[in-house]
């Protein structure tokens, strides 16, 4: 089996202070076998070639050497000192580039089966050999630059008037400006002397007492004005001349000067209630609320001309989350769907249709409240009853609210503490301790007279007369 060895090579130039440049280069290599282990204390054969022009160029010099690795797998040779029929000193290093090609035979005999080959370009180091051409320069160099010995000038360079065309303007005979020597004038010699002030005026300026000489009537006008403020005590908004005129008054004709509709709060009509993060837009008639989204990274997009939140990653769904228009109080087995309730109670009212049984409204389980509400609305047309006000509710962008069933209402009661916390944090109220209506009609002889309600003081559920007035809290599914 042929072994593959790895050679890590380092080429060094042998340089020193000699009269002649040495015709050799130092070369070192670390030999490793195919297991990446050092080949130590073992004889190897190497063939070294100097290629001219490229990595596949022709060889201008080839030699072979037999050496032994040391305890670290290192071999050290001097290229130019091996066995060769070529002349290393005949290489013209100025006609590069040159490349070193090494071939290694790791067998004990060496020099028979070269299995490791590597080629790398010689950079700047070996080209020190090119300096040997300086030893063979012949002929002489003629020096043409003047030889400096010493500064032999004592008076500088003389320039005659004829050498400068306008030198005449700098001669003493043409100078008419006086020569300044010292200030020989006094105050009386000044032109436009400043007006002097009296000793009394100087004292008043120093003491700043003249400020108190304005009339008492004007002093009264200044009552309450902060010290240092600049005011015109005679200012009159309607004055057009004189000292009372106010300069640079703004033009108020472009502003509303009278209340034309009797209200001072409806010039910009915004929703009176909002939750944190809600936004509003004008639909041409009124301001419409865009409920806040909890989805991380959601973007506000125009869909059919209406802005709405799109996308994003919803937070983990837990009981008490403020999501889907209300507070989550029930999550089904999928973990993705459930029920939410409004954060506020609706108007206290009766169940409706006393003495009239409602077909299909007897469902009590979770997920039956929506159908109960549909059945009540279909057979009981009385407006303002519990099922009716839930069905007609539009809140937080949702209009599919309904009156909860008996079990749905009980689930709300079981989670009322966390619902209260979320509701009050989002503009809602706590549950009352009074009874709340469910959408579940009782079963049996008295079904036409009663429906299920639940006390939120102790959670007790009972059959109540449909005509009783009780609390109402709407729910919706998501």
Protein backbone atom coordinates (compact mmCIF):
# COMPACT_ATOMS: atom_id res chain seq x y z
CA UNK A 1 0.00 0.00 0.00
CA UNK A 2 1.35 3.44 -0.93
CA UNK A 3 1.73 5.69 2.08
CA UNK A 4 0.81 9.36 1.85
CA UNK A 5 3.06 11.72 3.77
CA UNK A 6 2.62 15.39 4.54
CA UNK A 7 5.44 17.87 4.16
CA UNK A 8 5.45 21.23 5.87
CA UNK A 9 8.24 23.20 4.19
CA UNK A 10 10.11 26.38 5.00
CA UNK A 11 12.60 27.94 2.58
CA UNK A 12 15.24 30.21 4.06
CA UNK A 13 17.93 32.25 2.39
CA UNK A 14 21.40 31.69 3.75
CA UNK A 15 22.68 35.25 4.09
CA UNK A 16 25.79 36.69 5.70
CA UNK A 17 28.52 39.24 5.27
CA UNK A 18 30.70 37.68 2.61
CA UNK A 19 32.67 39.01 -0.31
CA UNK A 20 30.69 36.65 -2.51
CA UNK A 21 27.00 35.69 -2.31
CA UNK A 22 26.64 31.98 -1.30
CA UNK A 23 25.10 29.86 -4.09
CA UNK A 24 22.63 27.94 -1.90
CA UNK A 25 19.32 28.22 -0.07
CA UNK A 26 18.30 26.64 3.22
CA UNK A 27 15.21 24.43 3.09
CA UNK A 28 13.38 22.74 5.99
CA UNK A 29 10.43 20.37 5.96
CA UNK A 30 8.39 18.43 8.55
CA UNK A 31 7.45 14.95 7.36
CA UNK A 32 4.18 13.31 8.53
CA UNK A 33 2.61 10.01 7.52
CA UNK A 34 -0.97 9.38 6.41
CA UNK A 35 -2.03 9.15 10.09
CA UNK A 36 -0.71 12.66 10.59
CA UNK A 37 2.11 11.23 12.74
CA UNK A 38 5.67 12.55 12.50
CA UNK A 39 8.21 10.44 10.60
CA UNK A 40 11.08 10.57 13.04
CA UNK A 41 14.70 9.39 12.85
CA UNK A 42 14.20 7.85 9.41
CA UNK A 43 16.08 8.29 6.16
CA UNK A 44 14.21 9.91 3.25
CA UNK A 45 15.17 10.92 -0.28
CA UNK A 46 14.30 14.28 -1.78
CA UNK A 47 14.42 15.70 -5.30
CA UNK A 48 14.30 19.49 -5.56
CA UNK A 49 13.61 21.41 -8.80
CA UNK A 50 13.63 25.15 -9.53
CA UNK A 51 10.87 25.93 -12.09
CA UNK A 52 10.86 29.12 -14.12
CA UNK A 53 7.79 31.15 -15.16
CA UNK A 54 4.91 29.19 -13.58
CA UNK A 55 4.01 26.30 -11.31
CA UNK A 56 4.30 24.00 -14.34
CA UNK A 57 7.27 25.83 -15.88
CA UNK A 58 10.44 24.25 -17.13
CA UNK A 59 13.13 23.21 -14.66
CA UNK A 60 16.30 25.30 -14.71
CA UNK A 61 17.89 23.32 -11.89
CA UNK A 62 17.32 19.82 -10.35
CA UNK A 63 19.16 18.03 -7.59
CA UNK A 64 18.67 15.05 -5.22
CA UNK A 65 19.59 14.65 -1.58
CA UNK A 66 19.37 11.85 1.00
CA UNK A 67 18.77 12.98 4.55
CA UNK A 68 17.48 11.67 7.89
CA UNK A 69 14.59 13.21 9.85
CA UNK A 70 15.28 14.21 13.43
CA UNK A 71 13.28 13.40 16.58
CA UNK A 72 10.72 16.04 15.53
CA UNK A 73 10.30 14.76 11.97
CA UNK A 74 12.30 17.71 10.63
CA UNK A 75 14.73 17.62 7.71
CA UNK A 76 17.09 20.48 6.87
CA UNK A 77 18.93 20.74 3.53
CA UNK A 78 20.71 23.36 1.50
CA UNK A 79 19.43 23.65 -2.05
CA UNK A 80 22.39 23.99 -4.35
CA UNK A 81 24.51 21.50 -2.39
CA UNK A 82 22.86 18.26 -3.59
CA UNK A 83 23.69 15.86 -6.40
CA UNK A 84 22.95 17.55 -9.72
CA UNK A 85 24.13 17.87 -13.31
CA UNK A 86 22.88 21.48 -13.36
CA UNK A 87 24.69 24.66 -12.26
CA UNK A 88 22.86 26.42 -9.41
CA UNK A 89 24.99 29.53 -9.83
CA UNK A 90 23.87 29.86 -13.45
CA UNK A 91 20.25 30.68 -12.45
CA UNK A 92 19.33 34.20 -13.54
CA UNK A 93 17.20 35.26 -10.56
CA UNK A 94 16.17 38.46 -12.36
CA UNK A 95 14.21 36.43 -14.94
CA UNK A 96 11.58 35.09 -12.52
CA UNK A 97 9.14 34.28 -11.21
CA UNK A 98 10.58 31.02 -9.87
CA UNK A 99 8.94 28.11 -8.08
CA UNK A 100 10.41 25.36 -5.86
CA UNK A 101 9.14 21.84 -6.54
CA UNK A 102 9.92 19.20 -3.91
CA UNK A 103 9.45 15.44 -4.32
CA UNK A 104 9.98 13.15 -1.32
CA UNK A 105 10.65 9.41 -1.09
CA UNK A 106 10.02 8.41 2.57
CA UNK A 107 11.48 4.91 2.15
CA UNK A 108 14.66 3.93 3.91
CA UNK A 109 16.65 3.79 0.68
CA UNK A 110 15.23 7.07 -0.64
CA UNK A 111 15.46 8.57 -4.10
CA UNK A 112 13.56 5.79 -5.90
CA UNK A 113 9.84 6.25 -5.40
CA UNK A 114 8.85 9.88 -4.86
CA UNK A 115 5.31 9.86 -3.43
CA UNK A 116 5.07 13.38 -2.02
CA UNK A 117 5.10 16.35 -4.34
CA UNK A 118 4.67 20.06 -3.52
CA UNK A 119 5.28 23.28 -5.44
CA UNK A 120 5.37 26.83 -4.08
CA UNK A 121 6.47 30.18 -5.49
CA UNK A 122 9.69 31.80 -4.34
CA UNK A 123 8.86 35.26 -3.10
CA UNK A 124 11.31 38.00 -2.07
CA UNK A 125 13.78 36.07 0.11
CA UNK A 126 15.71 34.06 -2.50
CA UNK A 127 16.06 37.06 -4.75
CA UNK A 128 18.84 38.31 -2.51
CA UNK A 129 20.90 36.09 -4.77
CA UNK A 130 20.16 38.54 -7.56
CA UNK A 131 22.37 41.03 -5.74
CA UNK A 132 25.39 39.13 -6.96
CA UNK A 133 25.01 40.94 -10.30
CA UNK A 134 26.33 44.02 -8.53
CA UNK A 135 29.65 42.25 -8.24
CA UNK A 136 30.09 42.15 -12.01
CA UNK A 137 29.33 45.80 -12.91
CA UNK A 138 31.98 47.03 -15.34
CA UNK A 139 32.88 50.44 -16.74
CA UNK A 140 32.77 53.84 -15.09
CA UNK A 141 30.02 56.31 -14.14
CA UNK A 142 30.47 59.93 -15.14
CA UNK A 143 29.38 62.28 -12.32
CA UNK A 144 27.86 65.50 -13.73
CA UNK A 145 26.43 67.07 -10.54
CA UNK A 146 28.53 69.92 -9.08
CA UNK A 147 30.55 69.07 -5.99
CA UNK A 148 29.55 71.16 -2.95
CA UNK A 149 32.45 72.26 -0.80
CA UNK A 150 31.39 75.25 1.32
CA UNK A 151 29.09 78.30 1.28
CA UNK A 152 31.19 80.99 -0.37
CA UNK A 153 28.70 83.88 -0.36
CA UNK A 154 28.87 86.71 2.12
CA UNK A 155 26.60 89.50 0.82
CA UNK A 156 23.79 87.54 -0.75
CA UNK A 157 22.51 88.03 -4.30
CA UNK A 158 22.30 91.53 -5.76
CA UNK A 159 19.22 92.49 -7.82
CA UNK A 160 19.31 95.71 -9.79
CA UNK A 161 16.30 98.03 -10.32
CA UNK A 162 16.21 97.16 -13.98
CA UNK A 163 15.59 93.51 -13.08
CA UNK A 164 12.26 94.35 -11.34
CA UNK A 165 9.84 96.47 -13.39
CA UNK A 166 7.90 98.02 -10.47
CA UNK A 167 10.79 98.47 -8.03
CA UNK A 168 10.40 102.25 -8.44
CA UNK A 169 7.30 102.16 -6.22
CA UNK A 170 9.37 100.99 -3.29
CA UNK A 171 12.11 103.62 -3.39
CA UNK A 172 12.46 106.14 -0.58
CA UNK A 173 12.00 109.13 -2.91
CA UNK A 174 8.42 108.08 -3.77
CA UNK A 175 7.18 107.36 -0.18
CA UNK A 176 4.67 110.03 0.99
CA UNK A 177 3.02 108.29 4.00
CA UNK A 178 4.14 109.64 7.40
CA UNK A 179 6.32 107.42 9.47
CA UNK A 180 4.54 106.43 12.73
CA UNK A 181 6.67 106.79 15.81
CA UNK A 182 4.30 107.44 18.76
CA UNK A 183 0.72 108.65 19.62
CA UNK A 184 0.96 112.42 19.99
CA UNK A 185 -2.77 113.38 20.03
CA UNK A 186 -5.12 114.15 22.94
CA UNK A 187 -8.92 113.81 23.47
CA UNK A 188 -9.57 117.23 21.91
CA UNK A 189 -8.08 116.01 18.64
CA UNK A 190 -10.80 113.28 18.22
CA UNK A 191 -13.44 113.77 15.53
CA UNK A 192 -17.11 113.02 16.52
CA UNK A 193 -16.41 113.02 20.23
CA UNK A 194 -19.06 111.10 22.32
CA UNK A 195 -21.58 113.13 24.37
CA UNK A 196 -20.59 113.36 27.97
CA UNK A 197 -22.95 112.62 30.88
CA UNK A 198 -23.30 114.37 34.19
CA UNK A 199 -22.06 113.01 37.48
CA UNK A 200 -25.70 112.58 38.59
CA UNK A 201 -26.55 110.56 35.48
CA UNK A 202 -23.51 108.40 36.03
CA UNK A 203 -24.60 107.72 39.62
CA UNK A 204 -28.14 106.81 38.51
CA UNK A 205 -26.77 104.38 35.95
CA UNK A 206 -24.54 102.80 38.56
CA UNK A 207 -27.33 102.51 41.15
CA UNK A 208 -30.07 101.84 38.55
CA UNK A 209 -32.51 103.95 40.60
CA UNK A 210 -34.17 105.71 37.66
CA UNK A 211 -36.22 102.57 36.99
CA UNK A 212 -38.51 103.48 39.89
CA UNK A 213 -39.66 106.81 38.47
CA UNK A 214 -42.64 105.53 36.41
CA UNK A 215 -46.12 106.81 37.51
CA UNK A 216 -48.05 105.08 40.26
CA UNK A 217 -50.86 104.31 37.80
CA UNK A 218 -48.44 102.45 35.59
CA UNK A 219 -47.00 100.64 38.59
CA UNK A 220 -50.46 99.26 39.33
CA UNK A 221 -50.65 97.84 35.83
CA UNK A 222 -47.43 95.95 36.47
CA UNK A 223 -48.78 94.14 39.54
CA UNK A 224 -48.22 90.39 39.12
CA UNK A 225 -45.81 90.70 36.21
CA UNK A 226 -42.57 88.86 36.83
CA UNK A 227 -39.49 90.99 37.43
CA UNK A 228 -37.49 91.41 34.24
CA UNK A 229 -40.44 90.89 31.89
CA UNK A 230 -40.73 93.30 28.98
CA UNK A 231 -44.25 94.75 28.71
CA UNK A 232 -46.11 97.67 27.19
CA UNK A 233 -48.35 98.91 29.99
CA UNK A 234 -50.43 100.96 27.52
CA UNK A 235 -51.00 98.09 25.05
CA UNK A 236 -54.46 97.92 23.49
CA UNK A 237 -55.33 95.02 21.18
CA UNK A 238 -57.65 97.23 19.10
CA UNK A 239 -55.31 100.23 18.90
CA UNK A 240 -53.97 100.96 15.42
CA UNK A 241 -51.74 103.96 16.25
CA UNK A 242 -49.74 105.42 19.10
CA UNK A 243 -47.79 103.79 21.91
CA UNK A 244 -50.68 101.47 22.80
CA UNK A 245 -50.58 99.73 19.40
CA UNK A 246 -49.39 96.14 19.49
CA UNK A 247 -47.00 95.42 16.65
CA UNK A 248 -46.99 92.22 14.57
CA UNK A 249 -50.34 90.95 15.81
CA UNK A 250 -51.40 87.55 14.36
CA UNK A 251 -54.36 87.52 11.96
CA UNK A 252 -57.16 85.81 13.90
CA UNK A 253 -59.68 86.03 11.10
CA UNK A 254 -58.63 82.60 9.88
CA UNK A 255 -59.44 81.01 13.24
CA UNK A 256 -62.77 80.02 14.77
CA UNK A 257 -64.00 83.11 16.67
CA UNK A 258 -67.45 81.88 17.69
CA UNK A 259 -68.87 78.47 18.67
CA UNK A 260 -71.23 77.70 15.80
CA UNK A 261 -72.62 74.37 17.05
CA UNK A 262 -72.90 75.07 20.76
CA UNK A 263 -70.21 72.58 21.78
CA UNK A 264 -66.59 73.26 22.63
CA UNK A 265 -65.54 69.59 22.70
CA UNK A 266 -66.57 68.21 19.31
CA UNK A 267 -64.32 70.00 16.84
CA UNK A 268 -62.25 66.77 16.72
CA UNK A 269 -64.45 63.93 17.87
CA UNK A 270 -62.45 60.94 19.11
CA UNK A 271 -63.72 57.85 20.91
CA UNK A 272 -64.38 58.55 24.58
CA UNK A 273 -63.01 55.16 25.68
CA UNK A 274 -60.04 53.19 24.43
CA UNK A 275 -57.72 50.39 25.49
CA UNK A 276 -53.91 50.61 25.52
CA UNK A 277 -52.61 50.28 21.96
CA UNK A 278 -55.95 51.03 20.27
CA UNK A 279 -55.84 53.19 17.15
CA UNK A 280 -58.54 55.15 15.36
CA UNK A 281 -59.25 56.09 11.75
CA UNK A 282 -61.85 58.34 10.12
CA UNK A 283 -64.24 56.44 7.85
CA UNK A 284 -65.74 59.61 6.38
CA UNK A 285 -68.51 59.83 8.96
CA UNK A 286 -67.08 58.95 12.34
CA UNK A 287 -63.95 57.77 14.14
CA UNK A 288 -63.61 53.98 14.18
CA UNK A 289 -61.44 52.15 16.71
CA UNK A 290 -58.83 49.62 15.56
CA UNK A 291 -58.39 47.35 18.60
CA UNK A 292 -54.81 46.75 19.71
CA UNK A 293 -53.20 43.45 18.82
CA UNK A 294 -50.98 41.36 21.07
CA UNK A 295 -49.24 39.72 18.11
CA UNK A 296 -45.52 40.43 18.19
CA UNK A 297 -44.34 41.89 14.87
CA UNK A 298 -47.84 42.53 13.50
CA UNK A 299 -48.18 45.23 10.81
CA UNK A 300 -51.01 47.68 10.19
CA UNK A 301 -52.23 47.16 6.62
CA UNK A 302 -55.00 48.57 4.44
CA UNK A 303 -57.42 45.77 3.56
CA UNK A 304 -60.28 46.91 1.32
CA UNK A 305 -59.65 50.50 2.30
CA UNK A 306 -59.82 49.71 6.03
CA UNK A 307 -56.68 49.57 8.22
CA UNK A 308 -56.28 46.41 10.25
CA UNK A 309 -53.54 44.51 12.09
CA UNK A 310 -52.12 41.60 10.10
CA UNK A 311 -49.72 38.77 10.90
CA UNK A 312 -47.33 38.63 13.79
CA UNK A 313 -46.79 35.96 16.41
CA UNK A 314 -49.51 35.73 19.07
CA UNK A 315 -48.40 35.39 22.69
CA UNK A 316 -49.01 32.10 24.49
CA UNK A 317 -52.74 31.52 24.99
CA UNK A 318 -53.61 31.37 28.71
CA UNK A 319 -56.67 31.94 30.84
CA UNK A 320 -56.91 35.65 31.57
CA UNK A 321 -55.27 36.77 28.30
CA UNK A 322 -56.83 39.82 26.69
CA UNK A 323 -57.36 38.41 23.22
CA UNK A 324 -59.93 38.21 20.46
CA UNK A 325 -61.97 41.14 21.77
CA UNK A 326 -62.26 40.01 25.39
CA UNK A 327 -60.77 38.01 28.25
CA UNK A 328 -60.01 34.31 27.68
CA UNK A 329 -61.88 32.16 30.22
CA UNK A 330 -61.89 28.79 28.41
CA UNK A 331 -59.41 26.99 26.08
CA UNK A 332 -60.34 23.76 24.32
CA UNK A 333 -58.13 20.69 23.91
CA UNK A 334 -56.42 22.04 20.76
CA UNK A 335 -54.95 24.92 22.72
CA UNK A 336 -55.89 27.22 19.86
CA UNK A 337 -59.61 27.82 20.38
CA UNK A 338 -61.92 28.70 23.23
CA UNK A 339 -64.16 31.45 24.63
CA UNK A 340 -63.71 35.05 25.75
CA UNK A 341 -66.06 37.31 27.70
CA UNK A 342 -66.62 41.06 27.52
CA UNK A 343 -64.79 43.19 30.10
CA UNK A 344 -68.04 44.97 31.02
CA UNK A 345 -71.57 43.96 31.96
CA UNK A 346 -74.39 44.84 29.59
CA UNK A 347 -77.68 46.36 30.71
CA UNK A 348 -79.52 44.49 33.50
CA UNK A 349 -82.56 42.85 31.91
CA UNK A 350 -84.90 39.84 31.91
CA UNK A 351 -84.43 36.53 30.09
CA UNK A 352 -87.63 37.17 28.05
CA UNK A 353 -90.64 35.26 26.68
CA UNK A 354 -92.14 34.33 30.02
CA UNK A 355 -94.62 31.41 29.63
CA UNK A 356 -93.21 30.58 26.17
CA UNK A 357 -90.96 27.50 25.83
CA UNK A 358 -88.05 27.97 23.39
CA UNK A 359 -87.32 24.97 21.19
CA UNK A 360 -83.61 24.05 21.22
CA UNK A 361 -82.52 26.52 23.93
CA UNK A 362 -82.04 23.87 26.58
CA UNK A 363 -78.32 23.27 25.85
CA UNK A 364 -76.16 23.58 28.98
CA UNK A 365 -72.70 22.32 27.89
CA UNK A 366 -69.77 24.41 26.78
CA UNK A 367 -70.15 25.36 23.08
CA UNK A 368 -73.99 25.39 23.22
CA UNK A 369 -74.45 29.05 24.18
CA UNK A 370 -74.24 30.37 20.62
CA UNK A 371 -76.97 27.99 19.37
CA UNK A 372 -79.16 28.74 22.41
CA UNK A 373 -78.94 32.45 21.56
CA UNK A 374 -79.91 31.77 17.92
CA UNK A 375 -82.91 29.67 19.04
CA UNK A 376 -84.05 32.34 21.54
CA UNK A 377 -83.85 35.06 18.89
CA UNK A 378 -85.81 32.89 16.43
CA UNK A 379 -88.81 32.31 18.72
CA UNK A 380 -88.71 35.33 21.03
CA UNK A 381 -88.82 38.62 19.14
CA UNK A 382 -88.88 40.82 22.23
CA UNK A 383 -86.10 43.41 22.02
CA UNK A 384 -83.84 44.26 24.90
CA UNK A 385 -83.88 40.81 26.52
CA UNK A 386 -80.58 39.13 27.59
CA UNK A 387 -80.03 37.11 24.40
CA UNK A 388 -81.02 40.06 22.20
CA UNK A 389 -78.56 42.59 23.65
CA UNK A 390 -75.70 40.06 23.42
CA UNK A 391 -76.56 39.19 19.82
CA UNK A 392 -76.67 42.88 18.82
CA UNK A 393 -73.36 43.74 20.51
CA UNK A 394 -70.50 44.95 18.29
CA UNK A 395 -67.31 45.32 20.28
CA UNK A 396 -63.60 45.48 19.47
CA UNK A 397 -64.26 44.69 15.84
CA UNK A 398 -66.42 41.64 16.60
CA UNK A 399 -70.20 41.23 16.20
CA UNK A 400 -70.64 37.51 16.98
CA UNK A 401 -71.32 37.80 20.73
CA UNK A 402 -73.88 35.59 22.47
CA UNK A 403 -75.38 34.79 25.89
CA UNK A 404 -73.30 32.02 27.59
CA UNK A 405 -74.79 28.60 28.35
CA UNK A 406 -75.08 27.29 31.91
CA UNK A 407 -71.66 25.53 31.86
CA UNK A 408 -70.00 28.44 30.01
CA UNK A 409 -71.30 30.82 32.68
CA UNK A 410 -69.95 28.54 35.41
CA UNK A 411 -66.53 28.49 33.72
CA UNK A 412 -66.54 32.30 33.86
CA UNK A 413 -67.34 32.17 37.58
CA UNK A 414 -64.48 29.71 38.21
CA UNK A 415 -62.01 32.13 36.56
CA UNK A 416 -63.59 35.41 37.68
CA UNK A 417 -60.55 36.50 39.74
CA UNK A 418 -58.12 36.49 36.82
CA UNK A 419 -60.82 37.84 34.49
CA UNK A 420 -61.39 40.78 36.88
CA UNK A 421 -57.67 41.59 36.87
CA UNK A 422 -57.48 41.64 33.07
CA UNK A 423 -60.81 43.43 32.65
CA UNK A 424 -59.93 46.32 34.96
CA UNK A 425 -56.54 46.67 33.25
CA UNK A 426 -58.32 47.10 29.92
CA UNK A 427 -61.05 49.57 30.79
CA UNK A 428 -63.51 47.03 32.21
CA UNK A 429 -65.10 46.30 35.59
CA UNK A 430 -65.15 43.49 38.15
CA UNK A 431 -68.01 41.03 38.20
CA UNK A 432 -70.92 41.85 40.49
CA UNK A 433 -71.85 39.47 43.28
CA UNK A 434 -75.42 39.39 41.89
CA UNK A 435 -76.88 36.70 39.63
CA UNK A 436 -76.05 36.52 35.90
CA UNK A 437 -78.27 35.04 33.18
CA UNK A 438 -77.27 31.99 31.12
CA UNK A 439 -78.87 31.16 27.74
CA UNK A 440 -79.94 27.69 29.01
CA UNK A 441 -83.69 27.25 29.47
CA UNK A 442 -84.75 24.71 32.12
CA UNK A 443 -86.09 21.33 31.05
CA UNK A 444 -89.46 19.91 31.97
CA UNK A 445 -92.85 21.23 32.94
CA UNK A 446 -91.57 24.61 34.06
CA UNK A 447 -89.25 25.24 31.08
CA UNK A 448 -91.58 27.92 29.72
CA UNK A 449 -91.32 29.85 32.97
CA UNK A 450 -87.63 29.57 33.97
CA UNK A 451 -83.99 29.59 32.84
CA UNK A 452 -80.67 28.94 34.57
CA UNK A 453 -78.87 31.75 36.39
CA UNK A 454 -75.79 31.81 38.63
CA UNK A 455 -74.89 33.84 41.73
CA UNK A 456 -71.37 35.29 41.45
CA UNK A 457 -71.13 35.62 45.22
CA UNK A 458 -70.93 31.85 45.86
CA UNK A 459 -71.33 30.24 42.41
CA UNK A 460 -74.75 28.70 43.20
CA UNK A 461 -76.79 27.92 40.03
CA UNK A 462 -80.57 27.83 40.15
CA UNK A 463 -83.70 28.02 38.00
CA UNK A 464 -84.99 31.60 37.89
CA UNK A 465 -88.18 33.14 36.54
CA UNK A 466 -87.62 34.46 33.02
CA UNK A 467 -89.16 37.76 34.07
CA UNK A 468 -86.50 38.43 36.75
CA UNK A 469 -84.02 41.27 36.12
CA UNK A 470 -80.44 40.02 36.30
CA UNK A 471 -76.91 40.81 35.18
CA UNK A 472 -75.72 40.02 31.62
CA UNK A 473 -72.13 39.40 30.40
CA UNK A 474 -71.67 38.58 26.67
CA UNK A 475 -69.20 35.98 25.34
CA UNK A 476 -67.84 34.94 21.95
CA UNK A 477 -65.90 31.98 20.54
CA UNK A 478 -62.48 32.13 18.84
